[in-house]
Every structure is written in structure tokens, then in C-alpha cells.
Amino acid sequence: MLKNKSLLYGLGTGLILGAVLLQLMNAVAPASTAASKQPEAGQAPEEMDRIRLKEVASTYFNVYDKNQKLYDQPQVDAMIAQKLQEERDKQAAQPQSAAPDKETYIYVSKGMGAAQVADLLQQSGVIADRTAFVDTMKQKQLNDKIVSGLHVFKGAQELTQVIANLTTQ
């Protein structure tokens, strides 16, 4: 035990000094952070100017200008429903002859299969039946022949025209 006596004195002294320094740091740190958060803590709200009051209040609250309109959820839902109805009315009023002249661009990346391409085509409105496209591609054994790149579809096309567009340059 005598061999370790100086080691034990050193460890004990180090622990005591560390604890004292930690207590000292804890005692000094909160005073400096409290001062930085509340630089003008003694100042009343009536004494602050408008900008400073807004800055102090925004640390704890959502602060909005008086003229800014705020909506609650039922009001937002009603506005969205109204806008959707207006858009439906606009689409119903437009002539249907504009749809065939529409151009649709589809980008097929390398390695896409017939099922993935069918999903793209159905989402864009080029084909109506996804399973018919996939079945036709399997029957003609064209799953590996789909050319990657940008494909343009003009107006309404038949399934054979769509397949020919996808499998040729």
C-alpha cells in the first residue's frame, strides 16, 4: 500500500480540484447567459419601441402584424373547396377539342421495364389501360426493346402507335 500512496494522493487532489472548478464554472455560466437573453430585463414593455418589443415577444410567441390575415383550418378548407370548384367550372366551360392537340413528353430512363413505363404512360394520360399495354409488350416480346430517352406523344394515339414510339429511336 505504501507504493501507491503518492498515486492515491494525486488522484484525490485531482478529483477535489476538478469538482471545485466545475462548481466555479456552473456558478459563473448562468449569470452570463441570463444577461444575454434579457439585455434590457428591467425595461417595461411600454418603454420599448415597436421593433424591439416585437423582437423580444417573438422569442416566446408567434408575432404577426395587425393587417396580416390569419386563417383557421375550416376557413382554409372552405377556400380550397371554392378554388377547386372554380377550376372544375373552368375545365367544363373549355371546349374538349383542345385535348387531342396536347403534346405529352415522357422520359424513360435506362433499365425501366414495361410495367414502370406503363405507369408513366397511364399517369400522363397517354394510355387508358395499363394491363393491356403490359400484356401487349409481353406478347410481342418487346420488354427489352424499350428505348431510353425522351418520347413525345401528340394527341390521342392507339396502343400500337405508343408501342412503336417507345421501341424506335
N, C-alpha and C. Protein backbone atom coordinates (compact mmCIF):
# COMPACT_ATOMS: atom_id res chain seq x y z
N MET A 1 0.83 -1.18 0.00
CA MET A 1 0.00 0.00 0.00
C MET A 1 0.87 1.24 0.00
N LEU A 2 2.07 1.18 0.53
CA LEU A 2 2.93 2.34 0.57
C LEU A 2 3.41 2.74 -0.82
N LYS A 3 3.48 1.82 -1.74
CA LYS A 3 3.93 2.15 -3.08
C LYS A 3 2.89 3.03 -3.79
N ASN A 4 1.63 2.83 -3.52
CA ASN A 4 0.55 3.55 -4.19
C ASN A 4 0.10 4.80 -3.45
N LYS A 5 0.76 5.14 -2.36
CA LYS A 5 0.32 6.26 -1.54
C LYS A 5 0.37 7.58 -2.29
N SER A 6 1.42 7.86 -3.00
CA SER A 6 1.52 9.12 -3.74
C SER A 6 0.53 9.16 -4.92
N LEU A 7 0.28 8.00 -5.53
CA LEU A 7 -0.72 7.91 -6.60
C LEU A 7 -2.10 8.24 -6.07
N LEU A 8 -2.44 7.69 -4.93
CA LEU A 8 -3.76 7.94 -4.36
C LEU A 8 -3.91 9.40 -3.91
N TYR A 9 -2.85 9.99 -3.36
CA TYR A 9 -2.90 11.42 -3.00
C TYR A 9 -3.11 12.28 -4.26
N GLY A 10 -2.45 11.94 -5.32
CA GLY A 10 -2.59 12.70 -6.58
C GLY A 10 -3.98 12.59 -7.16
N LEU A 11 -4.54 11.38 -7.16
CA LEU A 11 -5.91 11.19 -7.67
C LEU A 11 -6.92 11.94 -6.82
N GLY A 12 -6.80 11.84 -5.53
CA GLY A 12 -7.74 12.54 -4.64
C GLY A 12 -7.68 14.03 -4.82
N THR A 13 -6.45 14.57 -4.88
CA THR A 13 -6.29 16.01 -5.06
C THR A 13 -6.86 16.46 -6.41
N GLY A 14 -6.62 15.67 -7.44
CA GLY A 14 -7.15 15.99 -8.78
C GLY A 14 -8.66 15.99 -8.82
N LEU A 15 -9.28 15.02 -8.17
CA LEU A 15 -10.74 14.97 -8.12
C LEU A 15 -11.32 16.16 -7.37
N ILE A 16 -10.68 16.53 -6.27
CA ILE A 16 -11.18 17.67 -5.49
C ILE A 16 -11.04 18.95 -6.29
N LEU A 17 -9.89 19.16 -6.95
CA LEU A 17 -9.71 20.37 -7.75
C LEU A 17 -10.68 20.41 -8.94
N GLY A 18 -10.93 19.26 -9.56
CA GLY A 18 -11.89 19.20 -10.67
C GLY A 18 -13.28 19.56 -10.23
N ALA A 19 -13.70 19.06 -9.07
CA ALA A 19 -15.04 19.37 -8.56
C ALA A 19 -15.17 20.85 -8.23
N VAL A 20 -14.11 21.43 -7.65
CA VAL A 20 -14.14 22.86 -7.32
C VAL A 20 -14.24 23.69 -8.60
N LEU A 21 -13.47 23.34 -9.64
CA LEU A 21 -13.52 24.08 -10.91
C LEU A 21 -14.88 23.94 -11.58
N LEU A 22 -15.46 22.76 -11.51
CA LEU A 22 -16.79 22.55 -12.10
C LEU A 22 -17.84 23.41 -11.40
N GLN A 23 -17.79 23.48 -10.08
CA GLN A 23 -18.73 24.31 -9.35
C GLN A 23 -18.54 25.79 -9.68
N LEU A 24 -17.29 26.18 -9.87
CA LEU A 24 -17.00 27.56 -10.23
C LEU A 24 -17.55 27.90 -11.61
N MET A 25 -17.39 26.99 -12.57
CA MET A 25 -17.92 27.22 -13.93
C MET A 25 -19.44 27.27 -13.92
N ASN A 26 -20.08 26.41 -13.16
CA ASN A 26 -21.54 26.40 -13.08
C ASN A 26 -22.08 27.67 -12.43
N ALA A 27 -21.35 28.21 -11.49
CA ALA A 27 -21.81 29.42 -10.81
C ALA A 27 -21.67 30.64 -11.71
N VAL A 28 -20.68 30.69 -12.59
CA VAL A 28 -20.44 31.85 -13.44
C VAL A 28 -21.27 31.79 -14.72
N ALA A 29 -21.50 30.62 -15.31
CA ALA A 29 -22.15 30.48 -16.61
C ALA A 29 -23.61 30.98 -16.63
N PRO A 30 -24.47 30.64 -15.68
CA PRO A 30 -25.86 31.10 -15.78
C PRO A 30 -26.00 32.61 -15.71
N ALA A 31 -25.16 33.29 -15.02
CA ALA A 31 -25.26 34.74 -14.94
C ALA A 31 -24.98 35.38 -16.28
N SER A 32 -24.03 34.85 -17.05
CA SER A 32 -23.71 35.44 -18.34
C SER A 32 -24.78 35.11 -19.38
N THR A 33 -25.39 33.91 -19.36
CA THR A 33 -26.43 33.58 -20.33
C THR A 33 -27.72 34.31 -20.02
N ALA A 34 -28.02 34.55 -18.77
CA ALA A 34 -29.23 35.29 -18.42
C ALA A 34 -29.13 36.73 -18.89
N ALA A 35 -27.92 37.27 -18.84
CA ALA A 35 -27.73 38.64 -19.29
C ALA A 35 -27.86 38.75 -20.80
N SER A 36 -27.43 37.72 -21.54
CA SER A 36 -27.52 37.78 -22.99
C SER A 36 -28.95 37.59 -23.48
N LYS A 37 -29.76 36.79 -22.76
CA LYS A 37 -31.14 36.59 -23.17
C LYS A 37 -32.00 37.81 -22.86
N GLN A 38 -31.77 38.46 -21.77
CA GLN A 38 -32.56 39.61 -21.35
C GLN A 38 -31.65 40.82 -21.19
N PRO A 39 -31.19 41.42 -22.31
CA PRO A 39 -30.29 42.56 -22.16
C PRO A 39 -30.95 43.76 -21.50
N GLU A 40 -32.25 43.88 -21.70
CA GLU A 40 -32.96 45.01 -21.10
C GLU A 40 -34.08 44.46 -20.23
N ALA A 41 -33.73 43.57 -19.29
CA ALA A 41 -34.75 42.90 -18.49
C ALA A 41 -35.52 43.87 -17.60
N GLY A 42 -34.89 44.94 -17.17
CA GLY A 42 -35.56 45.89 -16.30
C GLY A 42 -36.47 46.83 -17.06
N GLN A 43 -36.43 46.81 -18.38
CA GLN A 43 -37.22 47.75 -19.17
C GLN A 43 -38.65 47.23 -19.33
N ALA A 44 -39.61 48.07 -19.12
CA ALA A 44 -41.02 47.70 -19.23
C ALA A 44 -41.43 47.71 -20.72
N PRO A 45 -42.43 46.93 -21.08
CA PRO A 45 -42.88 46.91 -22.48
C PRO A 45 -43.34 48.28 -22.98
N GLU A 46 -43.87 49.12 -22.11
CA GLU A 46 -44.32 50.43 -22.54
C GLU A 46 -43.15 51.32 -22.95
N GLU A 47 -41.96 51.06 -22.38
CA GLU A 47 -40.80 51.88 -22.68
C GLU A 47 -40.08 51.45 -23.97
N MET A 48 -40.34 50.23 -24.44
CA MET A 48 -39.68 49.73 -25.65
C MET A 48 -40.33 50.30 -26.89
N ASP A 49 -39.54 50.46 -27.95
CA ASP A 49 -40.13 50.86 -29.22
C ASP A 49 -40.78 49.63 -29.88
N ARG A 50 -41.51 49.85 -30.93
CA ARG A 50 -42.31 48.81 -31.56
C ARG A 50 -41.45 47.64 -32.08
N ILE A 51 -40.32 47.95 -32.70
CA ILE A 51 -39.46 46.92 -33.28
C ILE A 51 -38.82 46.07 -32.19
N ARG A 52 -38.33 46.72 -31.15
CA ARG A 52 -37.68 46.00 -30.05
C ARG A 52 -38.70 45.11 -29.32
N LEU A 53 -39.90 45.62 -29.13
CA LEU A 53 -40.95 44.84 -28.47
C LEU A 53 -41.30 43.60 -29.30
N LYS A 54 -41.35 43.76 -30.61
CA LYS A 54 -41.64 42.63 -31.50
C LYS A 54 -40.53 41.58 -31.43
N GLU A 55 -39.28 42.03 -31.36
CA GLU A 55 -38.16 41.09 -31.26
C GLU A 55 -38.20 40.31 -29.95
N VAL A 56 -38.46 40.99 -28.86
CA VAL A 56 -38.50 40.32 -27.56
C VAL A 56 -39.68 39.36 -27.50
N ALA A 57 -40.83 39.76 -28.01
CA ALA A 57 -42.01 38.90 -27.96
C ALA A 57 -41.88 37.71 -28.89
N SER A 58 -41.13 37.85 -29.99
CA SER A 58 -41.01 36.75 -30.95
C SER A 58 -40.15 35.60 -30.42
N THR A 59 -39.42 35.82 -29.32
CA THR A 59 -38.67 34.71 -28.73
C THR A 59 -39.60 33.70 -28.06
N TYR A 60 -40.77 34.14 -27.62
CA TYR A 60 -41.69 33.25 -26.93
C TYR A 60 -43.01 33.02 -27.66
N PHE A 61 -43.39 33.91 -28.58
CA PHE A 61 -44.69 33.84 -29.22
C PHE A 61 -44.54 34.01 -30.73
N ASN A 62 -45.58 33.62 -31.48
CA ASN A 62 -45.68 33.94 -32.90
C ASN A 62 -46.26 35.34 -33.00
N VAL A 63 -45.52 36.24 -33.60
CA VAL A 63 -45.94 37.63 -33.68
C VAL A 63 -46.27 37.96 -35.14
N TYR A 64 -47.46 38.51 -35.37
CA TYR A 64 -47.92 38.88 -36.70
C TYR A 64 -48.34 40.35 -36.69
N ASP A 65 -48.27 40.98 -37.87
CA ASP A 65 -48.74 42.36 -37.99
C ASP A 65 -50.26 42.38 -37.86
N LYS A 66 -50.76 43.54 -37.51
CA LYS A 66 -52.20 43.69 -37.31
C LYS A 66 -52.97 43.51 -38.62
N ASN A 67 -52.40 43.96 -39.74
CA ASN A 67 -53.09 43.90 -41.02
C ASN A 67 -52.90 42.56 -41.73
N GLN A 68 -52.13 41.63 -41.16
CA GLN A 68 -51.92 40.33 -41.77
C GLN A 68 -53.09 39.41 -41.42
N LYS A 69 -53.71 38.82 -42.45
CA LYS A 69 -54.88 37.97 -42.26
C LYS A 69 -54.43 36.57 -41.89
N LEU A 70 -54.99 36.01 -40.81
CA LEU A 70 -54.72 34.65 -40.37
C LEU A 70 -55.98 33.82 -40.55
N TYR A 71 -55.80 32.59 -41.00
CA TYR A 71 -56.93 31.69 -41.25
C TYR A 71 -56.83 30.48 -40.34
N ASP A 72 -58.00 29.99 -39.92
CA ASP A 72 -58.01 28.73 -39.19
C ASP A 72 -58.35 27.61 -40.18
N GLN A 73 -58.28 26.37 -39.74
CA GLN A 73 -58.39 25.23 -40.65
C GLN A 73 -59.73 25.17 -41.41
N PRO A 74 -60.88 25.40 -40.78
CA PRO A 74 -62.13 25.37 -41.56
C PRO A 74 -62.17 26.43 -42.67
N GLN A 75 -61.61 27.61 -42.41
CA GLN A 75 -61.57 28.65 -43.42
C GLN A 75 -60.68 28.23 -44.60
N VAL A 76 -59.54 27.61 -44.31
CA VAL A 76 -58.64 27.15 -45.37
C VAL A 76 -59.31 26.06 -46.19
N ASP A 77 -59.98 25.13 -45.54
CA ASP A 77 -60.67 24.06 -46.25
C ASP A 77 -61.76 24.63 -47.16
N ALA A 78 -62.49 25.62 -46.69
CA ALA A 78 -63.54 26.24 -47.50
C ALA A 78 -62.95 26.96 -48.71
N MET A 79 -61.84 27.64 -48.51
CA MET A 79 -61.19 28.34 -49.63
C MET A 79 -60.68 27.35 -50.68
N ILE A 80 -60.11 26.24 -50.24
CA ILE A 80 -59.61 25.23 -51.18
C ILE A 80 -60.76 24.61 -51.95
N ALA A 81 -61.86 24.32 -51.27
CA ALA A 81 -63.02 23.76 -51.95
C ALA A 81 -63.58 24.74 -52.98
N GLN A 82 -63.58 26.02 -52.64
CA GLN A 82 -64.07 27.03 -53.57
C GLN A 82 -63.17 27.12 -54.81
N LYS A 83 -61.85 27.11 -54.61
CA LYS A 83 -60.92 27.16 -55.74
C LYS A 83 -61.03 25.92 -56.62
N LEU A 84 -61.21 24.75 -56.00
CA LEU A 84 -61.38 23.53 -56.78
C LEU A 84 -62.65 23.59 -57.63
N GLN A 85 -63.72 24.12 -57.05
CA GLN A 85 -64.97 24.24 -57.79
C GLN A 85 -64.81 25.21 -58.96
N GLU A 86 -64.10 26.31 -58.74
CA GLU A 86 -63.86 27.26 -59.83
C GLU A 86 -63.06 26.62 -60.96
N GLU A 87 -62.05 25.82 -60.62
CA GLU A 87 -61.24 25.15 -61.64
C GLU A 87 -62.06 24.11 -62.40
N ARG A 88 -62.93 23.40 -61.70
CA ARG A 88 -63.80 22.43 -62.39
C ARG A 88 -64.74 23.14 -63.34
N ASP A 89 -65.27 24.29 -62.93
CA ASP A 89 -66.15 25.05 -63.80
C ASP A 89 -65.41 25.55 -65.04
N LYS A 90 -64.16 25.99 -64.85
CA LYS A 90 -63.35 26.44 -65.99
C LYS A 90 -63.09 25.30 -66.97
N GLN A 91 -62.75 24.13 -66.44
CA GLN A 91 -62.48 22.99 -67.31
C GLN A 91 -63.74 22.53 -68.03
N ALA A 92 -64.88 22.60 -67.38
CA ALA A 92 -66.14 22.21 -68.02
C ALA A 92 -66.51 23.21 -69.11
N ALA A 93 -66.16 24.47 -68.92
CA ALA A 93 -66.51 25.50 -69.89
C ALA A 93 -65.60 25.46 -71.12
N GLN A 94 -64.39 24.94 -70.97
CA GLN A 94 -63.47 24.88 -72.11
C GLN A 94 -63.93 23.82 -73.09
N PRO A 95 -63.74 24.06 -74.38
CA PRO A 95 -64.13 23.05 -75.36
C PRO A 95 -63.20 21.83 -75.27
N GLN A 96 -63.74 20.67 -75.55
CA GLN A 96 -62.98 19.43 -75.45
C GLN A 96 -62.08 19.20 -76.65
N SER A 97 -62.14 20.05 -77.67
CA SER A 97 -61.31 19.88 -78.86
C SER A 97 -59.85 20.19 -78.57
N ALA A 98 -59.55 20.85 -77.47
CA ALA A 98 -58.17 21.20 -77.16
C ALA A 98 -57.37 19.98 -76.69
N ALA A 99 -58.02 18.94 -76.20
CA ALA A 99 -57.32 17.78 -75.68
C ALA A 99 -56.53 17.00 -76.73
N PRO A 100 -57.04 16.74 -77.96
CA PRO A 100 -56.27 15.97 -78.93
C PRO A 100 -54.99 16.69 -79.39
N ASP A 101 -54.94 18.01 -79.34
CA ASP A 101 -53.76 18.74 -79.79
C ASP A 101 -52.66 18.75 -78.73
N LYS A 102 -52.90 18.18 -77.60
CA LYS A 102 -51.97 18.21 -76.48
C LYS A 102 -50.77 17.31 -76.76
N GLU A 103 -49.58 17.83 -76.42
CA GLU A 103 -48.36 17.04 -76.55
C GLU A 103 -47.95 16.57 -75.15
N THR A 104 -47.57 15.32 -75.07
CA THR A 104 -47.13 14.76 -73.80
C THR A 104 -45.70 14.26 -73.97
N TYR A 105 -44.86 14.67 -73.04
CA TYR A 105 -43.46 14.26 -73.07
C TYR A 105 -43.22 13.28 -71.91
N ILE A 106 -42.63 12.15 -72.27
CA ILE A 106 -42.32 11.12 -71.27
C ILE A 106 -40.83 10.82 -71.38
N TYR A 107 -40.15 10.85 -70.23
CA TYR A 107 -38.74 10.48 -70.20
C TYR A 107 -38.62 9.08 -69.62
N VAL A 108 -38.08 8.17 -70.42
CA VAL A 108 -37.88 6.79 -69.99
C VAL A 108 -36.40 6.63 -69.68
N SER A 109 -36.09 6.34 -68.43
CA SER A 109 -34.69 6.17 -68.06
C SER A 109 -34.25 4.74 -68.37
N LYS A 110 -32.94 4.59 -68.45
CA LYS A 110 -32.36 3.30 -68.82
C LYS A 110 -32.69 2.26 -67.75
N GLY A 111 -33.10 1.08 -68.20
CA GLY A 111 -33.39 -0.01 -67.28
C GLY A 111 -34.84 -0.09 -66.84
N MET A 112 -35.70 0.81 -67.31
CA MET A 112 -37.11 0.75 -66.92
C MET A 112 -37.80 -0.39 -67.66
N GLY A 113 -38.66 -1.10 -66.97
CA GLY A 113 -39.40 -2.19 -67.56
C GLY A 113 -40.73 -1.72 -68.11
N ALA A 114 -41.45 -2.64 -68.73
CA ALA A 114 -42.73 -2.30 -69.34
C ALA A 114 -43.75 -1.85 -68.29
N ALA A 115 -43.71 -2.44 -67.11
CA ALA A 115 -44.67 -2.07 -66.07
C ALA A 115 -44.44 -0.64 -65.58
N GLN A 116 -43.17 -0.25 -65.43
CA GLN A 116 -42.85 1.10 -64.98
C GLN A 116 -43.21 2.13 -66.06
N VAL A 117 -42.93 1.79 -67.31
CA VAL A 117 -43.28 2.69 -68.41
C VAL A 117 -44.81 2.80 -68.52
N ALA A 118 -45.51 1.69 -68.30
CA ALA A 118 -46.97 1.72 -68.34
C ALA A 118 -47.53 2.64 -67.26
N ASP A 119 -46.92 2.63 -66.07
CA ASP A 119 -47.35 3.54 -65.01
C ASP A 119 -47.17 4.99 -65.44
N LEU A 120 -46.02 5.31 -66.05
CA LEU A 120 -45.78 6.68 -66.51
C LEU A 120 -46.80 7.09 -67.57
N LEU A 121 -47.05 6.19 -68.51
CA LEU A 121 -47.99 6.50 -69.59
C LEU A 121 -49.41 6.67 -69.08
N GLN A 122 -49.80 5.86 -68.11
CA GLN A 122 -51.16 5.98 -67.57
C GLN A 122 -51.31 7.25 -66.76
N GLN A 123 -50.30 7.60 -65.96
CA GLN A 123 -50.38 8.82 -65.16
C GLN A 123 -50.44 10.06 -66.04
N SER A 124 -49.75 10.03 -67.17
CA SER A 124 -49.76 11.20 -68.06
C SER A 124 -50.97 11.21 -68.98
N GLY A 125 -51.74 10.14 -69.03
CA GLY A 125 -52.95 10.13 -69.82
C GLY A 125 -52.74 9.67 -71.25
N VAL A 126 -51.61 9.10 -71.59
CA VAL A 126 -51.36 8.63 -72.95
C VAL A 126 -52.13 7.35 -73.20
N ILE A 127 -52.12 6.43 -72.24
CA ILE A 127 -52.89 5.19 -72.36
C ILE A 127 -53.92 5.14 -71.25
N ALA A 128 -55.00 4.42 -71.51
CA ALA A 128 -56.05 4.31 -70.51
C ALA A 128 -55.92 3.01 -69.71
N ASP A 129 -55.49 1.93 -70.38
CA ASP A 129 -55.42 0.62 -69.74
C ASP A 129 -53.97 0.18 -69.61
N ARG A 130 -53.51 0.13 -68.40
CA ARG A 130 -52.12 -0.24 -68.12
C ARG A 130 -51.87 -1.71 -68.41
N THR A 131 -52.80 -2.57 -68.03
CA THR A 131 -52.59 -4.02 -68.20
C THR A 131 -52.58 -4.41 -69.68
N ALA A 132 -53.36 -3.75 -70.51
CA ALA A 132 -53.35 -4.04 -71.94
C ALA A 132 -51.98 -3.72 -72.54
N PHE A 133 -51.38 -2.62 -72.10
CA PHE A 133 -50.05 -2.24 -72.59
C PHE A 133 -49.02 -3.28 -72.17
N VAL A 134 -49.05 -3.67 -70.91
CA VAL A 134 -48.07 -4.65 -70.41
C VAL A 134 -48.24 -5.99 -71.11
N ASP A 135 -49.50 -6.43 -71.29
CA ASP A 135 -49.76 -7.71 -71.96
C ASP A 135 -49.29 -7.68 -73.40
N THR A 136 -49.52 -6.59 -74.11
CA THR A 136 -49.10 -6.47 -75.50
C THR A 136 -47.58 -6.48 -75.61
N MET A 137 -46.91 -5.81 -74.68
CA MET A 137 -45.44 -5.79 -74.69
C MET A 137 -44.89 -7.20 -74.45
N LYS A 138 -45.55 -7.98 -73.57
CA LYS A 138 -45.10 -9.36 -73.31
C LYS A 138 -45.36 -10.25 -74.50
N GLN A 139 -46.52 -10.10 -75.15
CA GLN A 139 -46.85 -10.95 -76.29
C GLN A 139 -45.89 -10.72 -77.45
N LYS A 140 -45.53 -9.46 -77.68
CA LYS A 140 -44.63 -9.14 -78.80
C LYS A 140 -43.16 -9.23 -78.40
N GLN A 141 -42.90 -9.57 -77.13
CA GLN A 141 -41.55 -9.72 -76.58
C GLN A 141 -40.73 -8.45 -76.80
N LEU A 142 -41.29 -7.32 -76.41
CA LEU A 142 -40.65 -6.02 -76.59
C LEU A 142 -40.21 -5.39 -75.27
N ASN A 143 -40.25 -6.13 -74.18
CA ASN A 143 -39.88 -5.56 -72.88
C ASN A 143 -38.45 -5.06 -72.86
N ASP A 144 -37.54 -5.76 -73.55
CA ASP A 144 -36.14 -5.36 -73.57
C ASP A 144 -35.83 -4.37 -74.68
N LYS A 145 -36.79 -4.07 -75.52
CA LYS A 145 -36.57 -3.20 -76.68
C LYS A 145 -36.97 -1.75 -76.44
N ILE A 146 -37.38 -1.40 -75.23
CA ILE A 146 -37.80 -0.03 -74.92
C ILE A 146 -36.57 0.88 -74.96
N VAL A 147 -36.66 1.93 -75.75
CA VAL A 147 -35.54 2.86 -75.93
C VAL A 147 -35.61 3.92 -74.83
N SER A 148 -34.48 4.12 -74.14
CA SER A 148 -34.46 5.14 -73.10
C SER A 148 -34.29 6.51 -73.73
N GLY A 149 -34.87 7.50 -73.09
CA GLY A 149 -34.79 8.87 -73.59
C GLY A 149 -36.15 9.54 -73.53
N LEU A 150 -36.24 10.67 -74.24
CA LEU A 150 -37.46 11.46 -74.24
C LEU A 150 -38.36 11.02 -75.40
N HIS A 151 -39.60 10.75 -75.11
CA HIS A 151 -40.59 10.34 -76.12
C HIS A 151 -41.73 11.35 -76.12
N VAL A 152 -42.16 11.74 -77.33
CA VAL A 152 -43.22 12.72 -77.48
C VAL A 152 -44.45 12.02 -78.04
N PHE A 153 -45.59 12.26 -77.40
CA PHE A 153 -46.86 11.71 -77.85
C PHE A 153 -47.79 12.87 -78.14
N LYS A 154 -48.27 12.96 -79.41
CA LYS A 154 -49.14 14.06 -79.82
C LYS A 154 -50.56 13.55 -79.96
N GLY A 155 -51.44 14.15 -79.18
CA GLY A 155 -52.85 13.82 -79.26
C GLY A 155 -53.15 12.40 -78.80
N ALA A 156 -54.34 11.91 -79.16
CA ALA A 156 -54.75 10.56 -78.79
C ALA A 156 -54.13 9.57 -79.76
N GLN A 157 -53.49 8.54 -79.25
CA GLN A 157 -52.85 7.53 -80.09
C GLN A 157 -53.33 6.15 -79.67
N GLU A 158 -53.27 5.24 -80.64
CA GLU A 158 -53.62 3.86 -80.36
C GLU A 158 -52.46 3.18 -79.66
N LEU A 159 -52.72 2.02 -79.08
CA LEU A 159 -51.71 1.29 -78.32
C LEU A 159 -50.53 0.88 -79.21
N THR A 160 -50.80 0.50 -80.44
CA THR A 160 -49.72 0.10 -81.34
C THR A 160 -48.81 1.28 -81.69
N GLN A 161 -49.38 2.47 -81.82
CA GLN A 161 -48.58 3.67 -82.10
C GLN A 161 -47.70 4.02 -80.89
N VAL A 162 -48.24 3.86 -79.70
CA VAL A 162 -47.48 4.16 -78.50
C VAL A 162 -46.31 3.18 -78.37
N ILE A 163 -46.56 1.90 -78.64
CA ILE A 163 -45.50 0.88 -78.57
C ILE A 163 -44.43 1.16 -79.62
N ALA A 164 -44.86 1.53 -80.83
CA ALA A 164 -43.90 1.84 -81.88
C ALA A 164 -43.04 3.05 -81.51
N ASN A 165 -43.64 4.04 -80.88
CA ASN A 165 -42.89 5.23 -80.45
C ASN A 165 -41.87 4.86 -79.40
N LEU A 166 -42.21 3.97 -78.48
CA LEU A 166 -41.31 3.62 -77.38
C LEU A 166 -40.17 2.68 -77.83
N THR A 167 -40.39 1.90 -78.87
CA THR A 167 -39.38 0.91 -79.25
C THR A 167 -38.50 1.36 -80.42
N THR A 168 -38.76 2.53 -80.96
CA THR A 168 -37.91 3.04 -82.05
C THR A 168 -37.22 4.31 -81.61
N GLN A 169 -36.15 4.66 -82.29
CA GLN A 169 -35.42 5.88 -81.99
C GLN A 169 -36.28 7.02 -82.43
